[in-house]
Amino acid sequence: MIKMIAFLEQNKYLVELLKEGNLCLVGMDTDQERAILRAYEEAVILENRYWR
């Protein structure tokens, strides 16, 4: 799964195809595909890089 995420990071247009349902990730079940999509949909905003 880590290799798949790294590949999607290099080819971000594939994430859009996955969101539209025009792409299927071979070897991944629907729960894994949903988890990947959720990770791309959720924006993580850090106000400070260091913990206090």
PDB file of N, CA and C in Angstrom:
ATOM      1  N   MET A   1       0.825  -1.189   0.000  1.00  0.00           N
ATOM      2  CA  MET A   1       0.000   0.000   0.000  1.00  0.00           C
ATOM      3  C   MET A   1       0.871   1.254   0.000  1.00  0.00           C
ATOM      4  N   ILE A   2       2.009   1.205   0.675  1.00  0.00           N
ATOM      5  CA  ILE A   2       2.903   2.355   0.705  1.00  0.00           C
ATOM      6  C   ILE A   2       3.420   2.668  -0.694  1.00  0.00           C
ATOM      7  N   LYS A   3       3.734   1.638  -1.459  1.00  0.00           N
ATOM      8  CA  LYS A   3       4.208   1.851  -2.825  1.00  0.00           C
ATOM      9  C   LYS A   3       3.107   2.471  -3.687  1.00  0.00           C
ATOM     10  N   MET A   4       1.872   2.070  -3.454  1.00  0.00           N
ATOM     11  CA  MET A   4       0.754   2.632  -4.214  1.00  0.00           C
ATOM     12  C   MET A   4       0.584   4.110  -3.901  1.00  0.00           C
ATOM     13  N   ILE A   5       0.681   4.478  -2.639  1.00  0.00           N
ATOM     14  CA  ILE A   5       0.543   5.876  -2.249  1.00  0.00           C
ATOM     15  C   ILE A   5       1.690   6.700  -2.818  1.00  0.00           C
ATOM     16  N   ALA A   6       2.889   6.171  -2.792  1.00  0.00           N
ATOM     17  CA  ALA A   6       4.033   6.872  -3.382  1.00  0.00           C
ATOM     18  C   ALA A   6       3.819   7.071  -4.883  1.00  0.00           C
ATOM     19  N   PHE A   7       3.280   6.064  -5.551  1.00  0.00           N
ATOM     20  CA  PHE A   7       3.003   6.169  -6.979  1.00  0.00           C
ATOM     21  C   PHE A   7       1.948   7.235  -7.250  1.00  0.00           C
ATOM     22  N   LEU A   8       0.903   7.271  -6.421  1.00  0.00           N
ATOM     23  CA  LEU A   8      -0.147   8.277  -6.586  1.00  0.00           C
ATOM     24  C   LEU A   8       0.387   9.683  -6.310  1.00  0.00           C
ATOM     25  N   GLU A   9       1.336   9.808  -5.401  1.00  0.00           N
ATOM     26  CA  GLU A   9       1.944  11.104  -5.137  1.00  0.00           C
ATOM     27  C   GLU A   9       2.707  11.608  -6.358  1.00  0.00           C
ATOM     28  N   GLN A  10       3.322  10.709  -7.087  1.00  0.00           N
ATOM     29  CA  GLN A  10       4.070  11.085  -8.282  1.00  0.00           C
ATOM     30  C   GLN A  10       3.142  11.349  -9.463  1.00  0.00           C
ATOM     31  N   ASN A  11       1.951  10.776  -9.445  1.00  0.00           N
ATOM     32  CA  ASN A  11       0.990  10.884 -10.542  1.00  0.00           C
ATOM     33  C   ASN A  11      -0.362  11.334  -9.993  1.00  0.00           C
ATOM     34  N   LYS A  12      -0.412  12.576  -9.556  1.00  0.00           N
ATOM     35  CA  LYS A  12      -1.606  13.081  -8.854  1.00  0.00           C
ATOM     36  C   LYS A  12      -2.858  13.089  -9.719  1.00  0.00           C
ATOM     37  N   TYR A  13      -2.722  13.113 -11.023  1.00  0.00           N
ATOM     38  CA  TYR A  13      -3.902  13.080 -11.886  1.00  0.00           C
ATOM     39  C   TYR A  13      -4.662  11.763 -11.723  1.00  0.00           C
ATOM     40  N   LEU A  14      -3.975  10.715 -11.298  1.00  0.00           N
ATOM     41  CA  LEU A  14      -4.635   9.423 -11.088  1.00  0.00           C
ATOM     42  C   LEU A  14      -5.591   9.471  -9.897  1.00  0.00           C
ATOM     43  N   VAL A  15      -5.301  10.319  -8.925  1.00  0.00           N
ATOM     44  CA  VAL A  15      -6.195  10.463  -7.770  1.00  0.00           C
ATOM     45  C   VAL A  15      -7.535  11.015  -8.230  1.00  0.00           C
ATOM     46  N   GLU A  16      -7.501  11.975  -9.154  1.00  0.00           N
ATOM     47  CA  GLU A  16      -8.752  12.527  -9.690  1.00  0.00           C
ATOM     48  C   GLU A  16      -9.543  11.448 -10.427  1.00  0.00           C
ATOM     49  N   LEU A  17      -8.859  10.625 -11.192  1.00  0.00           N
ATOM     50  CA  LEU A  17      -9.544   9.531 -11.891  1.00  0.00           C
ATOM     51  C   LEU A  17     -10.152   8.545 -10.892  1.00  0.00           C
ATOM     52  N   LEU A  18      -9.451   8.300  -9.811  1.00  0.00           N
ATOM     53  CA  LEU A  18      -9.957   7.403  -8.773  1.00  0.00           C
ATOM     54  C   LEU A  18     -11.198   7.993  -8.114  1.00  0.00           C
ATOM     55  N   LYS A  19     -11.181   9.301  -7.851  1.00  0.00           N
ATOM     56  CA  LYS A  19     -12.336   9.973  -7.251  1.00  0.00           C
ATOM     57  C   LYS A  19     -13.555   9.892  -8.161  1.00  0.00           C
ATOM     58  N   GLU A  20     -13.326  10.025  -9.458  1.00  0.00           N
ATOM     59  CA  GLU A  20     -14.420   9.989 -10.431  1.00  0.00           C
ATOM     60  C   GLU A  20     -14.929   8.574 -10.688  1.00  0.00           C
ATOM     61  N   GLY A  21     -14.202   7.572 -10.230  1.00  0.00           N
ATOM     62  CA  GLY A  21     -14.599   6.194 -10.462  1.00  0.00           C
ATOM     63  C   GLY A  21     -14.116   5.642 -11.787  1.00  0.00           C
ATOM     64  N   ASN A  22     -13.210   6.358 -12.436  1.00  0.00           N
ATOM     65  CA  ASN A  22     -12.675   5.926 -13.726  1.00  0.00           C
ATOM     66  C   ASN A  22     -11.377   5.136 -13.601  1.00  0.00           C
ATOM     67  N   LEU A  23     -10.971   4.845 -12.374  1.00  0.00           N
ATOM     68  CA  LEU A  23      -9.733   4.129 -12.128  1.00  0.00           C
ATOM     69  C   LEU A  23      -9.971   3.089 -11.050  1.00  0.00           C
ATOM     70  N   CYS A  24      -9.379   1.944 -11.226  1.00  0.00           N
ATOM     71  CA  CYS A  24      -9.471   0.871 -10.244  1.00  0.00           C
ATOM     72  C   CYS A  24      -8.053   0.502  -9.834  1.00  0.00           C
ATOM     73  N   LEU A  25      -7.818   0.404  -8.546  1.00  0.00           N
ATOM     74  CA  LEU A  25      -6.499   0.025  -8.054  1.00  0.00           C
ATOM     75  C   LEU A  25      -6.455  -1.493  -7.901  1.00  0.00           C
ATOM     76  N   VAL A  26      -5.731  -2.142  -8.779  1.00  0.00           N
ATOM     77  CA  VAL A  26      -5.641  -3.601  -8.774  1.00  0.00           C
ATOM     78  C   VAL A  26      -4.928  -4.054  -7.506  1.00  0.00           C
ATOM     79  N   GLY A  27      -5.501  -5.015  -6.831  1.00  0.00           N
ATOM     80  CA  GLY A  27      -4.912  -5.550  -5.609  1.00  0.00           C
ATOM     81  C   GLY A  27      -5.374  -4.837  -4.352  1.00  0.00           C
ATOM     82  N   MET A  28      -6.190  -3.802  -4.504  1.00  0.00           N
ATOM     83  CA  MET A  28      -6.716  -3.057  -3.353  1.00  0.00           C
ATOM     84  C   MET A  28      -8.210  -3.310  -3.265  1.00  0.00           C
ATOM     85  N   ASP A  29      -8.700  -3.504  -2.053  1.00  0.00           N
ATOM     86  CA  ASP A  29     -10.145  -3.644  -1.913  1.00  0.00           C
ATOM     87  C   ASP A  29     -10.778  -2.266  -1.751  1.00  0.00           C
ATOM     88  N   THR A  30     -12.092  -2.228  -1.730  1.00  0.00           N
ATOM     89  CA  THR A  30     -12.792  -0.937  -1.708  1.00  0.00           C
ATOM     90  C   THR A  30     -12.513  -0.153  -0.428  1.00  0.00           C
ATOM     91  N   ASP A  31     -12.325  -0.845   0.682  1.00  0.00           N
ATOM     92  CA  ASP A  31     -12.015  -0.145   1.933  1.00  0.00           C
ATOM     93  C   ASP A  31     -10.665   0.565   1.838  1.00  0.00           C
ATOM     94  N   GLN A  32      -9.689  -0.082   1.223  1.00  0.00           N
ATOM     95  CA  GLN A  32      -8.378   0.538   1.061  1.00  0.00           C
ATOM     96  C   GLN A  32      -8.451   1.721   0.101  1.00  0.00           C
ATOM     97  N   GLU A  33      -9.215   1.593  -0.966  1.00  0.00           N
ATOM     98  CA  GLU A  33      -9.383   2.703  -1.897  1.00  0.00           C
ATOM     99  C   GLU A  33     -10.045   3.892  -1.206  1.00  0.00           C
ATOM    100  N   ARG A  34     -11.066   3.629  -0.401  1.00  0.00           N
ATOM    101  CA  ARG A  34     -11.737   4.707   0.332  1.00  0.00           C
ATOM    102  C   ARG A  34     -10.791   5.389   1.314  1.00  0.00           C
ATOM    103  N   ALA A  35      -9.945   4.599   1.961  1.00  0.00           N
ATOM    104  CA  ALA A  35      -8.987   5.172   2.911  1.00  0.00           C
ATOM    105  C   ALA A  35      -7.994   6.087   2.198  1.00  0.00           C
ATOM    106  N   ILE A  36      -7.546   5.680   1.029  1.00  0.00           N
ATOM    107  CA  ILE A  36      -6.630   6.515   0.252  1.00  0.00           C
ATOM    108  C   ILE A  36      -7.324   7.800  -0.173  1.00  0.00           C
ATOM    109  N   LEU A  37      -8.559   7.693  -0.650  1.00  0.00           N
ATOM    110  CA  LEU A  37      -9.292   8.880  -1.065  1.00  0.00           C
ATOM    111  C   LEU A  37      -9.543   9.834   0.096  1.00  0.00           C
ATOM    112  N   ARG A  38      -9.873   9.282   1.259  1.00  0.00           N
ATOM    113  CA  ARG A  38     -10.082  10.130   2.439  1.00  0.00           C
ATOM    114  C   ARG A  38      -8.817  10.881   2.806  1.00  0.00           C
ATOM    115  N   ALA A  39      -7.675  10.217   2.677  1.00  0.00           N
ATOM    116  CA  ALA A  39      -6.403  10.864   3.001  1.00  0.00           C
ATOM    117  C   ALA A  39      -6.145  12.045   2.072  1.00  0.00           C
ATOM    118  N   TYR A  40      -6.546  11.929   0.817  1.00  0.00           N
ATOM    119  CA  TYR A  40      -6.351  13.030  -0.126  1.00  0.00           C
ATOM    120  C   TYR A  40      -7.399  14.117   0.036  1.00  0.00           C
ATOM    121  N   GLU A  41      -8.567  13.793   0.551  1.00  0.00           N
ATOM    122  CA  GLU A  41      -9.632  14.779   0.711  1.00  0.00           C
ATOM    123  C   GLU A  41      -9.472  15.601   1.981  1.00  0.00           C
ATOM    124  N   GLU A  42      -8.892  15.018   2.997  1.00  0.00           N
ATOM    125  CA  GLU A  42      -8.749  15.725   4.264  1.00  0.00           C
ATOM    126  C   GLU A  42      -7.520  16.620   4.215  1.00  0.00           C
ATOM    127  N   ALA A  43      -7.734  17.874   4.460  1.00  0.00           N
ATOM    128  CA  ALA A  43      -6.624  18.826   4.478  1.00  0.00           C
ATOM    129  C   ALA A  43      -6.087  18.926   5.897  1.00  0.00           C
ATOM    130  N   VAL A  44      -4.810  18.735   6.021  1.00  0.00           N
ATOM    131  CA  VAL A  44      -4.164  18.853   7.320  1.00  0.00           C
ATOM    132  C   VAL A  44      -3.438  20.190   7.351  1.00  0.00           C
ATOM    133  N   ILE A  45      -3.848  21.027   8.272  1.00  0.00           N
ATOM    134  CA  ILE A  45      -3.250  22.351   8.391  1.00  0.00           C
ATOM    135  C   ILE A  45      -2.519  22.426   9.729  1.00  0.00           C
ATOM    136  N   LEU A  46      -1.244  22.700   9.637  1.00  0.00           N
ATOM    137  CA  LEU A  46      -0.439  22.833  10.838  1.00  0.00           C
ATOM    138  C   LEU A  46      -0.138  24.302  11.076  1.00  0.00           C
ATOM    139  N   GLU A  47      -0.483  24.770  12.237  1.00  0.00           N
ATOM    140  CA  GLU A  47      -0.198  26.163  12.555  1.00  0.00           C
ATOM    141  C   GLU A  47       1.246  26.327  12.989  1.00  0.00           C
ATOM    142  N   ASN A  48       1.782  25.324  13.619  1.00  0.00           N
ATOM    143  CA  ASN A  48       3.139  25.396  14.120  1.00  0.00           C
ATOM    144  C   ASN A  48       3.801  24.050  13.861  1.00  0.00           C
ATOM    145  N   ARG A  49       5.033  24.057  13.423  1.00  0.00           N
ATOM    146  CA  ARG A  49       5.726  22.807  13.103  1.00  0.00           C
ATOM    147  C   ARG A  49       6.222  22.078  14.356  1.00  0.00           C
ATOM    148  N   TYR A  50       6.320  22.768  15.455  1.00  0.00           N
ATOM    149  CA  TYR A  50       6.895  22.172  16.643  1.00  0.00           C
ATOM    150  C   TYR A  50       5.856  22.065  17.749  1.00  0.00           C
ATOM    151  N   TRP A  51       5.908  20.957  18.465  1.00  0.00           N
ATOM    152  CA  TRP A  51       5.013  20.764  19.601  1.00  0.00           C
ATOM    153  C   TRP A  51       5.518  21.590  20.775  1.00  0.00           C
ATOM    154  N   ARG A  52       4.600  22.076  21.527  1.00  0.00           N
ATOM    155  CA  ARG A  52       4.983  22.830  22.731  1.00  0.00           C
ATOM    156  C   ARG A  52       4.655  22.047  23.948  1.00  0.00           C
TER     157      ARG A  52
END
